[in-house]
Amino acid sequence: MPPKPRISREAVVEAGFGLVRREGAEALNARSAAAELGCSTQPVMYHFSTMAALREAICRFAEEWHSQYLMVPEPNTDPLLSIGLRYIRFGAEERHLFRFLFQSDRYARMDIRQLLAEYDEALAPVYAVLRAETGCDAERCRAVFAQLFVTAHGLASLLANNGMQYDAEFCSGILNAAFEGAMKGEPQ
């Protein structure tokens, strides 16, 4: 019977996450993950037979980390606006993770509706905040959220890819205008 590995699967994922967060997805390979752990590539390959499997595990870990990041309230900001600002701030502060999560080929051949439907369950806390603030039914909340998401994602992408500085006041104004427009618009 082979010896039990000293380095856990979770340790490999966390090391890979740290590497992606610091240096970007391009830096991730079996050797760099092993170097992050201070070991040979054997424990990495023991837990993940392919780099695709390791990337997927890191992506799931990063998605959970991102969800927790979003739900930390911005000071003196209503809850819905806070979530949008946190999403945009994530693009500015966590550029490598933002690109890893949202600007890879993971969503190739998917449209926006499919993307949102895939994350419908994960978005439940966001929809709950939106329902509490607006009184909208579930379908209307999804339509309003879609417009807010596209706006926030555009701002976050600009920040993540261009090294621009995050300006909370400007972003807040843009999100408020998008929200008001979405609420006045026809249901999608």
N, C-alpha and C. Protein backbone atom coordinates (compact mmCIF):
# COMPACT_ATOMS: atom_id res chain seq x y z
N MET A 1 0.85 -1.17 0.00
CA MET A 1 0.00 0.00 0.00
C MET A 1 0.90 1.24 0.00
N PRO A 2 0.60 2.21 -0.91
CA PRO A 2 1.44 3.41 -0.96
C PRO A 2 1.30 4.24 0.31
N PRO A 3 2.34 4.97 0.66
CA PRO A 3 2.26 5.79 1.87
C PRO A 3 1.23 6.91 1.69
N LYS A 4 0.62 7.29 2.80
CA LYS A 4 -0.36 8.37 2.78
C LYS A 4 0.38 9.68 2.47
N PRO A 5 -0.17 10.48 1.54
CA PRO A 5 0.52 11.73 1.21
C PRO A 5 0.52 12.69 2.40
N ARG A 6 1.64 13.38 2.57
CA ARG A 6 1.76 14.34 3.67
C ARG A 6 1.10 15.67 3.30
N ILE A 7 1.03 15.94 2.02
CA ILE A 7 0.44 17.20 1.55
C ILE A 7 -0.97 16.90 1.07
N SER A 8 -1.94 17.55 1.66
CA SER A 8 -3.34 17.28 1.34
C SER A 8 -3.76 17.91 0.02
N ARG A 9 -4.85 17.41 -0.47
CA ARG A 9 -5.48 17.96 -1.68
C ARG A 9 -5.82 19.44 -1.45
N GLU A 10 -6.36 19.75 -0.28
CA GLU A 10 -6.73 21.12 0.05
C GLU A 10 -5.50 22.04 0.05
N ALA A 11 -4.38 21.52 0.55
CA ALA A 11 -3.14 22.32 0.57
C ALA A 11 -2.68 22.64 -0.84
N VAL A 12 -2.83 21.68 -1.75
CA VAL A 12 -2.44 21.89 -3.14
C VAL A 12 -3.34 22.97 -3.76
N VAL A 13 -4.64 22.87 -3.51
CA VAL A 13 -5.59 23.86 -4.05
C VAL A 13 -5.29 25.25 -3.49
N GLU A 14 -5.07 25.34 -2.19
CA GLU A 14 -4.79 26.64 -1.58
C GLU A 14 -3.48 27.22 -2.09
N ALA A 15 -2.49 26.38 -2.30
CA ALA A 15 -1.21 26.87 -2.85
C ALA A 15 -1.41 27.36 -4.28
N GLY A 16 -2.16 26.61 -5.07
CA GLY A 16 -2.44 27.03 -6.44
C GLY A 16 -3.25 28.32 -6.48
N PHE A 17 -4.21 28.44 -5.58
CA PHE A 17 -5.01 29.66 -5.48
C PHE A 17 -4.10 30.85 -5.17
N GLY A 18 -3.22 30.69 -4.20
CA GLY A 18 -2.29 31.76 -3.84
C GLY A 18 -1.41 32.17 -5.01
N LEU A 19 -0.95 31.20 -5.76
CA LEU A 19 -0.12 31.47 -6.93
C LEU A 19 -0.90 32.23 -8.00
N VAL A 20 -2.11 31.77 -8.30
CA VAL A 20 -2.95 32.43 -9.29
C VAL A 20 -3.29 33.85 -8.83
N ARG A 21 -3.60 33.99 -7.57
CA ARG A 21 -3.95 35.31 -7.02
C ARG A 21 -2.79 36.29 -7.14
N ARG A 22 -1.60 35.82 -6.89
CA ARG A 22 -0.42 36.68 -6.88
C ARG A 22 0.16 36.91 -8.27
N GLU A 23 0.20 35.85 -9.10
CA GLU A 23 0.92 35.93 -10.37
C GLU A 23 0.06 35.71 -11.61
N GLY A 24 -1.14 35.23 -11.45
CA GLY A 24 -2.01 34.98 -12.58
C GLY A 24 -2.04 33.52 -12.99
N ALA A 25 -3.08 33.17 -13.73
CA ALA A 25 -3.28 31.77 -14.15
C ALA A 25 -2.15 31.26 -15.03
N GLU A 26 -1.52 32.17 -15.75
CA GLU A 26 -0.43 31.77 -16.65
C GLU A 26 0.75 31.17 -15.88
N ALA A 27 0.88 31.53 -14.62
CA ALA A 27 2.00 31.05 -13.81
C ALA A 27 1.75 29.66 -13.22
N LEU A 28 0.52 29.17 -13.34
CA LEU A 28 0.17 27.90 -12.71
C LEU A 28 0.58 26.71 -13.57
N ASN A 29 1.40 25.85 -13.01
CA ASN A 29 1.72 24.55 -13.58
C ASN A 29 2.12 23.65 -12.42
N ALA A 30 2.38 22.38 -12.69
CA ALA A 30 2.68 21.45 -11.61
C ALA A 30 3.95 21.87 -10.86
N ARG A 31 4.94 22.34 -11.58
CA ARG A 31 6.19 22.75 -10.92
C ARG A 31 5.99 23.98 -10.04
N SER A 32 5.25 24.96 -10.54
CA SER A 32 5.06 26.18 -9.74
C SER A 32 4.19 25.89 -8.51
N ALA A 33 3.20 25.02 -8.65
CA ALA A 33 2.38 24.65 -7.49
C ALA A 33 3.23 23.89 -6.47
N ALA A 34 4.08 23.00 -6.96
CA ALA A 34 4.98 22.26 -6.07
C ALA A 34 5.95 23.21 -5.37
N ALA A 35 6.49 24.17 -6.10
CA ALA A 35 7.41 25.14 -5.50
C ALA A 35 6.70 25.95 -4.42
N GLU A 36 5.44 26.27 -4.66
CA GLU A 36 4.65 27.02 -3.68
C GLU A 36 4.51 26.21 -2.38
N LEU A 37 4.43 24.90 -2.52
CA LEU A 37 4.29 24.00 -1.37
C LEU A 37 5.64 23.59 -0.78
N GLY A 38 6.72 23.84 -1.53
CA GLY A 38 8.04 23.42 -1.07
C GLY A 38 8.23 21.92 -1.17
N CYS A 39 7.71 21.34 -2.24
CA CYS A 39 7.81 19.88 -2.42
C CYS A 39 8.07 19.56 -3.89
N SER A 40 8.16 18.29 -4.19
CA SER A 40 8.28 17.86 -5.58
C SER A 40 6.90 17.93 -6.24
N THR A 41 6.84 17.63 -7.52
CA THR A 41 5.55 17.63 -8.22
C THR A 41 4.71 16.40 -7.87
N GLN A 42 5.30 15.42 -7.24
CA GLN A 42 4.58 14.17 -6.95
C GLN A 42 3.30 14.40 -6.15
N PRO A 43 3.30 15.17 -5.06
CA PRO A 43 2.03 15.36 -4.34
C PRO A 43 0.98 16.09 -5.17
N VAL A 44 1.41 17.01 -5.99
CA VAL A 44 0.47 17.74 -6.85
C VAL A 44 -0.19 16.77 -7.81
N MET A 45 0.63 15.95 -8.47
CA MET A 45 0.10 15.01 -9.45
C MET A 45 -0.63 13.84 -8.80
N TYR A 46 -0.31 13.54 -7.55
CA TYR A 46 -1.03 12.49 -6.82
C TYR A 46 -2.51 12.90 -6.66
N HIS A 47 -2.73 14.14 -6.28
CA HIS A 47 -4.09 14.61 -6.04
C HIS A 47 -4.81 15.04 -7.32
N PHE A 48 -4.05 15.48 -8.33
CA PHE A 48 -4.64 15.97 -9.57
C PHE A 48 -3.89 15.36 -10.74
N SER A 49 -4.53 14.45 -11.43
CA SER A 49 -3.86 13.75 -12.52
C SER A 49 -3.64 14.64 -13.74
N THR A 50 -4.39 15.74 -13.82
CA THR A 50 -4.20 16.69 -14.93
C THR A 50 -4.20 18.10 -14.39
N MET A 51 -3.60 19.00 -15.13
CA MET A 51 -3.64 20.41 -14.75
C MET A 51 -5.05 20.97 -14.89
N ALA A 52 -5.82 20.43 -15.82
CA ALA A 52 -7.21 20.88 -15.96
C ALA A 52 -8.00 20.59 -14.68
N ALA A 53 -7.75 19.44 -14.08
CA ALA A 53 -8.43 19.09 -12.83
C ALA A 53 -8.00 20.03 -11.70
N LEU A 54 -6.72 20.36 -11.64
CA LEU A 54 -6.24 21.29 -10.62
C LEU A 54 -6.83 22.68 -10.85
N ARG A 55 -6.84 23.14 -12.09
CA ARG A 55 -7.42 24.46 -12.39
C ARG A 55 -8.90 24.52 -11.99
N GLU A 56 -9.62 23.46 -12.26
CA GLU A 56 -11.05 23.43 -11.91
C GLU A 56 -11.23 23.48 -10.40
N ALA A 57 -10.42 22.76 -9.65
CA ALA A 57 -10.50 22.79 -8.19
C ALA A 57 -10.15 24.18 -7.66
N ILE A 58 -9.14 24.80 -8.24
CA ILE A 58 -8.76 26.16 -7.83
C ILE A 58 -9.88 27.13 -8.18
N CYS A 59 -10.50 26.93 -9.32
CA CYS A 59 -11.60 27.80 -9.75
C CYS A 59 -12.76 27.70 -8.76
N ARG A 60 -13.13 26.51 -8.34
CA ARG A 60 -14.22 26.35 -7.36
C ARG A 60 -13.85 27.04 -6.04
N PHE A 61 -12.60 26.89 -5.62
CA PHE A 61 -12.13 27.55 -4.40
C PHE A 61 -12.19 29.07 -4.58
N ALA A 62 -11.75 29.56 -5.73
CA ALA A 62 -11.75 31.00 -6.01
C ALA A 62 -13.17 31.55 -6.09
N GLU A 63 -14.10 30.78 -6.65
CA GLU A 63 -15.49 31.22 -6.71
C GLU A 63 -16.06 31.41 -5.31
N GLU A 64 -15.77 30.48 -4.42
CA GLU A 64 -16.24 30.60 -3.05
C GLU A 64 -15.60 31.80 -2.36
N TRP A 65 -14.32 31.99 -2.58
CA TRP A 65 -13.60 33.13 -2.00
C TRP A 65 -14.21 34.43 -2.52
N HIS A 66 -14.49 34.48 -3.81
CA HIS A 66 -15.10 35.65 -4.44
C HIS A 66 -16.48 35.92 -3.84
N SER A 67 -17.28 34.88 -3.66
CA SER A 67 -18.62 35.06 -3.08
C SER A 67 -18.53 35.65 -1.68
N GLN A 68 -17.61 35.18 -0.89
CA GLN A 68 -17.43 35.73 0.46
C GLN A 68 -16.96 37.18 0.38
N TYR A 69 -16.08 37.48 -0.55
CA TYR A 69 -15.58 38.84 -0.75
C TYR A 69 -16.74 39.80 -1.05
N LEU A 70 -17.65 39.36 -1.92
CA LEU A 70 -18.77 40.21 -2.32
C LEU A 70 -19.70 40.55 -1.16
N MET A 71 -19.83 39.65 -0.22
CA MET A 71 -20.82 39.83 0.83
C MET A 71 -20.29 40.62 2.03
N VAL A 72 -19.04 41.09 1.98
CA VAL A 72 -18.52 41.97 3.03
C VAL A 72 -19.07 43.36 2.75
N PRO A 73 -19.85 43.92 3.66
CA PRO A 73 -20.50 45.21 3.37
C PRO A 73 -19.51 46.36 3.23
N GLU A 74 -19.78 47.21 2.26
CA GLU A 74 -19.05 48.47 2.12
C GLU A 74 -19.59 49.40 3.22
N PRO A 75 -18.75 50.15 3.87
CA PRO A 75 -19.22 51.03 4.95
C PRO A 75 -20.24 52.07 4.44
N ASN A 76 -21.28 52.28 5.22
CA ASN A 76 -22.29 53.31 4.95
C ASN A 76 -22.90 53.21 3.55
N THR A 77 -23.13 52.00 3.10
CA THR A 77 -23.67 51.78 1.75
C THR A 77 -24.82 50.78 1.86
N ASP A 78 -25.89 51.02 1.09
CA ASP A 78 -27.00 50.05 1.14
C ASP A 78 -26.51 48.71 0.60
N PRO A 79 -27.14 47.61 1.03
CA PRO A 79 -26.62 46.28 0.73
C PRO A 79 -26.48 45.95 -0.76
N LEU A 80 -27.44 46.35 -1.58
CA LEU A 80 -27.35 46.03 -3.00
C LEU A 80 -26.21 46.80 -3.66
N LEU A 81 -26.11 48.06 -3.40
CA LEU A 81 -25.02 48.86 -3.94
C LEU A 81 -23.68 48.32 -3.45
N SER A 82 -23.63 47.89 -2.22
CA SER A 82 -22.41 47.34 -1.65
C SER A 82 -21.92 46.14 -2.45
N ILE A 83 -22.82 45.24 -2.81
CA ILE A 83 -22.44 44.06 -3.58
C ILE A 83 -21.86 44.47 -4.93
N GLY A 84 -22.50 45.41 -5.60
CA GLY A 84 -21.98 45.89 -6.89
C GLY A 84 -20.62 46.54 -6.75
N LEU A 85 -20.46 47.37 -5.74
CA LEU A 85 -19.17 48.02 -5.52
C LEU A 85 -18.09 47.01 -5.16
N ARG A 86 -18.45 45.99 -4.39
CA ARG A 86 -17.46 44.96 -4.05
C ARG A 86 -17.03 44.19 -5.31
N TYR A 87 -17.99 43.94 -6.21
CA TYR A 87 -17.65 43.25 -7.46
C TYR A 87 -16.65 44.08 -8.25
N ILE A 88 -16.91 45.37 -8.36
CA ILE A 88 -16.01 46.26 -9.10
C ILE A 88 -14.67 46.36 -8.39
N ARG A 89 -14.70 46.51 -7.08
CA ARG A 89 -13.46 46.58 -6.30
C ARG A 89 -12.62 45.31 -6.47
N PHE A 90 -13.31 44.17 -6.57
CA PHE A 90 -12.62 42.90 -6.78
C PHE A 90 -11.79 42.96 -8.06
N GLY A 91 -12.36 43.53 -9.12
CA GLY A 91 -11.62 43.67 -10.37
C GLY A 91 -10.37 44.52 -10.20
N ALA A 92 -10.45 45.54 -9.37
CA ALA A 92 -9.31 46.43 -9.15
C ALA A 92 -8.28 45.82 -8.21
N GLU A 93 -8.74 45.19 -7.14
CA GLU A 93 -7.83 44.69 -6.11
C GLU A 93 -7.32 43.28 -6.37
N GLU A 94 -8.08 42.50 -7.07
CA GLU A 94 -7.73 41.10 -7.32
C GLU A 94 -7.71 40.84 -8.82
N ARG A 95 -6.89 41.60 -9.51
CA ARG A 95 -6.86 41.56 -10.98
C ARG A 95 -6.65 40.15 -11.53
N HIS A 96 -5.68 39.45 -10.98
CA HIS A 96 -5.39 38.10 -11.50
C HIS A 96 -6.55 37.15 -11.26
N LEU A 97 -7.15 37.21 -10.08
CA LEU A 97 -8.29 36.33 -9.80
C LEU A 97 -9.49 36.70 -10.66
N PHE A 98 -9.72 37.98 -10.84
CA PHE A 98 -10.83 38.40 -11.68
C PHE A 98 -10.68 37.82 -13.09
N ARG A 99 -9.50 37.96 -13.65
CA ARG A 99 -9.27 37.43 -15.00
C ARG A 99 -9.38 35.90 -15.02
N PHE A 100 -8.87 35.25 -13.99
CA PHE A 100 -8.95 33.79 -13.89
C PHE A 100 -10.41 33.33 -13.86
N LEU A 101 -11.23 34.02 -13.07
CA LEU A 101 -12.62 33.61 -12.93
C LEU A 101 -13.51 34.02 -14.10
N PHE A 102 -13.29 35.22 -14.63
CA PHE A 102 -14.28 35.78 -15.54
C PHE A 102 -13.79 36.08 -16.95
N GLN A 103 -12.50 35.92 -17.19
CA GLN A 103 -12.00 36.26 -18.52
C GLN A 103 -11.12 35.15 -19.07
N SER A 104 -11.64 33.96 -18.96
CA SER A 104 -10.97 32.80 -19.53
C SER A 104 -11.94 32.20 -20.54
N ASP A 105 -11.61 31.07 -21.05
CA ASP A 105 -12.52 30.43 -22.01
C ASP A 105 -13.56 29.55 -21.32
N ARG A 106 -13.70 29.67 -20.01
CA ARG A 106 -14.68 28.88 -19.26
C ARG A 106 -16.10 29.06 -19.77
N TYR A 107 -16.40 30.23 -20.26
CA TYR A 107 -17.77 30.53 -20.68
C TYR A 107 -17.91 30.59 -22.20
N ALA A 108 -16.96 30.00 -22.88
CA ALA A 108 -17.00 29.99 -24.35
C ALA A 108 -18.31 29.34 -24.81
N ARG A 109 -18.87 29.92 -25.84
CA ARG A 109 -20.10 29.43 -26.46
C ARG A 109 -21.32 29.51 -25.54
N MET A 110 -21.25 30.34 -24.50
CA MET A 110 -22.37 30.56 -23.60
C MET A 110 -22.87 31.98 -23.82
N ASP A 111 -24.17 32.19 -23.71
CA ASP A 111 -24.63 33.57 -23.74
C ASP A 111 -24.87 34.04 -22.31
N ILE A 112 -25.20 35.32 -22.15
CA ILE A 112 -25.35 35.90 -20.82
C ILE A 112 -26.46 35.19 -20.03
N ARG A 113 -27.55 34.85 -20.70
CA ARG A 113 -28.64 34.16 -20.01
C ARG A 113 -28.18 32.82 -19.44
N GLN A 114 -27.42 32.09 -20.24
CA GLN A 114 -26.89 30.80 -19.78
C GLN A 114 -25.94 30.99 -18.60
N LEU A 115 -25.10 32.00 -18.69
CA LEU A 115 -24.16 32.28 -17.61
C LEU A 115 -24.90 32.56 -16.30
N LEU A 116 -25.89 33.44 -16.37
CA LEU A 116 -26.65 33.78 -15.17
C LEU A 116 -27.44 32.57 -14.65
N ALA A 117 -28.00 31.78 -15.55
CA ALA A 117 -28.73 30.58 -15.13
C ALA A 117 -27.80 29.59 -14.44
N GLU A 118 -26.57 29.48 -14.92
CA GLU A 118 -25.61 28.56 -14.31
C GLU A 118 -25.33 28.95 -12.85
N TYR A 119 -25.36 30.23 -12.57
CA TYR A 119 -25.05 30.73 -11.23
C TYR A 119 -26.29 31.13 -10.44
N ASP A 120 -27.47 30.74 -10.92
CA ASP A 120 -28.71 31.14 -10.28
C ASP A 120 -28.73 30.78 -8.79
N GLU A 121 -28.33 29.58 -8.46
CA GLU A 121 -28.33 29.16 -7.05
C GLU A 121 -27.31 29.96 -6.24
N ALA A 122 -26.14 30.16 -6.79
CA ALA A 122 -25.10 30.92 -6.08
C ALA A 122 -25.50 32.39 -5.91
N LEU A 123 -26.33 32.89 -6.81
CA LEU A 123 -26.77 34.28 -6.74
C LEU A 123 -27.96 34.49 -5.81
N ALA A 124 -28.45 33.43 -5.20
CA ALA A 124 -29.62 33.54 -4.33
C ALA A 124 -29.47 34.62 -3.26
N PRO A 125 -28.31 34.74 -2.59
CA PRO A 125 -28.20 35.82 -1.58
C PRO A 125 -28.30 37.22 -2.20
N VAL A 126 -27.79 37.38 -3.41
CA VAL A 126 -27.86 38.68 -4.08
C VAL A 126 -29.32 38.96 -4.46
N TYR A 127 -30.00 37.96 -5.00
CA TYR A 127 -31.40 38.13 -5.35
C TYR A 127 -32.24 38.44 -4.12
N ALA A 128 -31.90 37.85 -2.98
CA ALA A 128 -32.64 38.11 -1.75
C ALA A 128 -32.49 39.58 -1.34
N VAL A 129 -31.28 40.12 -1.46
CA VAL A 129 -31.06 41.54 -1.15
C VAL A 129 -31.87 42.41 -2.12
N LEU A 130 -31.84 42.07 -3.39
CA LEU A 130 -32.56 42.83 -4.40
C LEU A 130 -34.07 42.78 -4.14
N ARG A 131 -34.59 41.60 -3.81
CA ARG A 131 -36.02 41.48 -3.50
C ARG A 131 -36.39 42.31 -2.28
N ALA A 132 -35.54 42.27 -1.26
CA ALA A 132 -35.81 43.04 -0.03
C ALA A 132 -35.82 44.54 -0.30
N GLU A 133 -34.97 45.01 -1.20
CA GLU A 133 -34.88 46.45 -1.47
C GLU A 133 -35.95 46.94 -2.44
N THR A 134 -36.41 46.06 -3.33
CA THR A 134 -37.31 46.53 -4.38
C THR A 134 -38.72 45.96 -4.29
N GLY A 135 -38.87 44.82 -3.65
CA GLY A 135 -40.17 44.15 -3.63
C GLY A 135 -40.49 43.44 -4.93
N CYS A 136 -39.53 43.35 -5.82
CA CYS A 136 -39.73 42.68 -7.12
C CYS A 136 -39.93 41.18 -6.92
N ASP A 137 -40.64 40.58 -7.87
CA ASP A 137 -40.74 39.13 -7.85
C ASP A 137 -39.42 38.54 -8.38
N ALA A 138 -39.28 37.23 -8.30
CA ALA A 138 -38.02 36.56 -8.63
C ALA A 138 -37.58 36.83 -10.07
N GLU A 139 -38.50 36.76 -11.02
CA GLU A 139 -38.12 36.97 -12.42
C GLU A 139 -37.68 38.41 -12.68
N ARG A 140 -38.39 39.35 -12.10
CA ARG A 140 -38.01 40.77 -12.28
C ARG A 140 -36.66 41.03 -11.63
N CYS A 141 -36.40 40.41 -10.48
CA CYS A 141 -35.09 40.56 -9.83
C CYS A 141 -33.97 40.06 -10.74
N ARG A 142 -34.22 38.94 -11.40
CA ARG A 142 -33.20 38.40 -12.31
C ARG A 142 -32.93 39.37 -13.47
N ALA A 143 -33.98 39.98 -14.00
CA ALA A 143 -33.82 40.92 -15.11
C ALA A 143 -33.08 42.18 -14.66
N VAL A 144 -33.43 42.72 -13.51
CA VAL A 144 -32.73 43.90 -12.98
C VAL A 144 -31.28 43.55 -12.69
N PHE A 145 -31.07 42.39 -12.07
CA PHE A 145 -29.70 41.98 -11.75
C PHE A 145 -28.86 41.85 -13.02
N ALA A 146 -29.43 41.31 -14.08
CA ALA A 146 -28.68 41.13 -15.33
C ALA A 146 -28.13 42.47 -15.81
N GLN A 147 -28.95 43.52 -15.74
CA GLN A 147 -28.49 44.84 -16.18
C GLN A 147 -27.41 45.38 -15.24
N LEU A 148 -27.59 45.18 -13.96
CA LEU A 148 -26.58 45.63 -13.00
C LEU A 148 -25.28 44.85 -13.17
N PHE A 149 -25.41 43.56 -13.41
CA PHE A 149 -24.23 42.71 -13.59
C PHE A 149 -23.39 43.17 -14.79
N VAL A 150 -24.05 43.42 -15.90
CA VAL A 150 -23.33 43.85 -17.10
C VAL A 150 -22.59 45.17 -16.84
N THR A 151 -23.24 46.07 -16.14
CA THR A 151 -22.60 47.36 -15.81
C THR A 151 -21.42 47.16 -14.88
N ALA A 152 -21.63 46.42 -13.79
CA ALA A 152 -20.55 46.19 -12.82
C ALA A 152 -19.40 45.41 -13.45
N HIS A 153 -19.75 44.43 -14.27
CA HIS A 153 -18.70 43.63 -14.91
C HIS A 153 -17.86 44.47 -15.87
N GLY A 154 -18.51 45.36 -16.59
CA GLY A 154 -17.77 46.24 -17.49
C GLY A 154 -16.79 47.12 -16.74
N LEU A 155 -17.24 47.71 -15.64
CA LEU A 155 -16.34 48.53 -14.83
C LEU A 155 -15.21 47.70 -14.24
N ALA A 156 -15.54 46.53 -13.69
CA ALA A 156 -14.52 45.67 -13.09
C ALA A 156 -13.50 45.22 -14.14
N SER A 157 -13.98 44.93 -15.34
CA SER A 157 -13.06 44.50 -16.42
C SER A 157 -12.10 45.61 -16.79
N LEU A 158 -12.60 46.83 -16.88
CA LEU A 158 -11.72 47.96 -17.17
C LEU A 158 -10.63 48.09 -16.10
N LEU A 159 -11.01 47.95 -14.86
CA LEU A 159 -10.05 48.07 -13.77
C LEU A 159 -9.06 46.90 -13.77
N ALA A 160 -9.56 45.70 -13.96
CA ALA A 160 -8.71 44.51 -13.91
C ALA A 160 -7.70 44.46 -15.04
N ASN A 161 -8.06 44.96 -16.19
CA ASN A 161 -7.21 44.81 -17.37
C ASN A 161 -6.35 46.02 -17.69
N ASN A 162 -6.64 47.13 -17.10
CA ASN A 162 -5.93 48.35 -17.48
C ASN A 162 -5.21 49.03 -16.32
N GLY A 163 -5.21 48.41 -15.17
CA GLY A 163 -4.51 49.00 -14.04
C GLY A 163 -5.07 50.34 -13.61
N MET A 164 -6.34 50.58 -13.93
CA MET A 164 -6.97 51.84 -13.55
C MET A 164 -7.26 51.84 -12.05
N GLN A 165 -7.43 53.00 -11.50
CA GLN A 165 -7.70 53.13 -10.07
C GLN A 165 -9.20 53.06 -9.80
N TYR A 166 -9.55 52.38 -8.73
CA TYR A 166 -10.93 52.26 -8.29
C TYR A 166 -11.39 53.58 -7.68
N ASP A 167 -12.53 54.08 -8.14
CA ASP A 167 -13.11 55.32 -7.62
C ASP A 167 -14.53 54.98 -7.16
N ALA A 168 -14.68 54.78 -5.87
CA ALA A 168 -15.96 54.33 -5.31
C ALA A 168 -17.10 55.30 -5.63
N GLU A 169 -16.83 56.58 -5.56
CA GLU A 169 -17.88 57.57 -5.80
C GLU A 169 -18.38 57.49 -7.25
N PHE A 170 -17.45 57.43 -8.20
CA PHE A 170 -17.82 57.33 -9.61
C PHE A 170 -18.58 56.03 -9.87
N CYS A 171 -18.05 54.93 -9.36
CA CYS A 171 -18.69 53.62 -9.59
C CYS A 171 -20.07 53.58 -8.95
N SER A 172 -20.20 54.17 -7.78
CA SER A 172 -21.49 54.23 -7.11
C SER A 172 -22.51 54.99 -7.96
N GLY A 173 -22.10 56.10 -8.54
CA GLY A 173 -22.99 56.87 -9.40
C GLY A 173 -23.43 56.08 -10.62
N ILE A 174 -22.50 55.39 -11.25
CA ILE A 174 -22.82 54.57 -12.43
C ILE A 174 -23.79 53.45 -12.05
N LEU A 175 -23.52 52.77 -10.95
CA LEU A 175 -24.41 51.67 -10.53
C LEU A 175 -25.80 52.19 -10.16
N ASN A 176 -25.86 53.31 -9.47
CA ASN A 176 -27.18 53.87 -9.13
C ASN A 176 -27.97 54.23 -10.38
N ALA A 177 -27.30 54.82 -11.36
CA ALA A 177 -27.98 55.16 -12.61
C ALA A 177 -28.46 53.89 -13.33
N ALA A 178 -27.63 52.87 -13.35
CA ALA A 178 -28.02 51.60 -13.99
C ALA A 178 -29.21 50.98 -13.26
N PHE A 179 -29.19 51.04 -11.94
CA PHE A 179 -30.29 50.49 -11.14
C PHE A 179 -31.59 51.24 -11.43
N GLU A 180 -31.52 52.56 -11.41
CA GLU A 180 -32.72 53.35 -11.68
C GLU A 180 -33.26 53.06 -13.08
N GLY A 181 -32.38 52.97 -14.05
CA GLY A 181 -32.80 52.65 -15.40
C GLY A 181 -33.41 51.26 -15.50
N ALA A 182 -32.81 50.31 -14.83
CA ALA A 182 -33.32 48.93 -14.85
C ALA A 182 -34.70 48.85 -14.20
N MET A 183 -34.89 49.59 -13.13
CA MET A 183 -36.18 49.58 -12.43
C MET A 183 -37.27 50.25 -13.26
N LYS A 184 -36.91 51.27 -14.04
CA LYS A 184 -37.90 51.97 -14.88
C LYS A 184 -38.19 51.24 -16.18
N GLY A 185 -37.22 50.43 -16.60
CA GLY A 185 -37.35 49.74 -17.89
C GLY A 185 -38.40 48.65 -17.86
N GLU A 186 -38.69 48.19 -19.05
CA GLU A 186 -39.62 47.10 -19.21
C GLU A 186 -38.97 45.79 -18.74
N PRO A 187 -39.75 44.93 -18.10
CA PRO A 187 -39.20 43.63 -17.70
C PRO A 187 -38.69 42.87 -18.92
N GLN A 188 -37.58 42.21 -18.74
CA GLN A 188 -36.97 41.44 -19.85
C GLN A 188 -37.55 40.05 -19.91
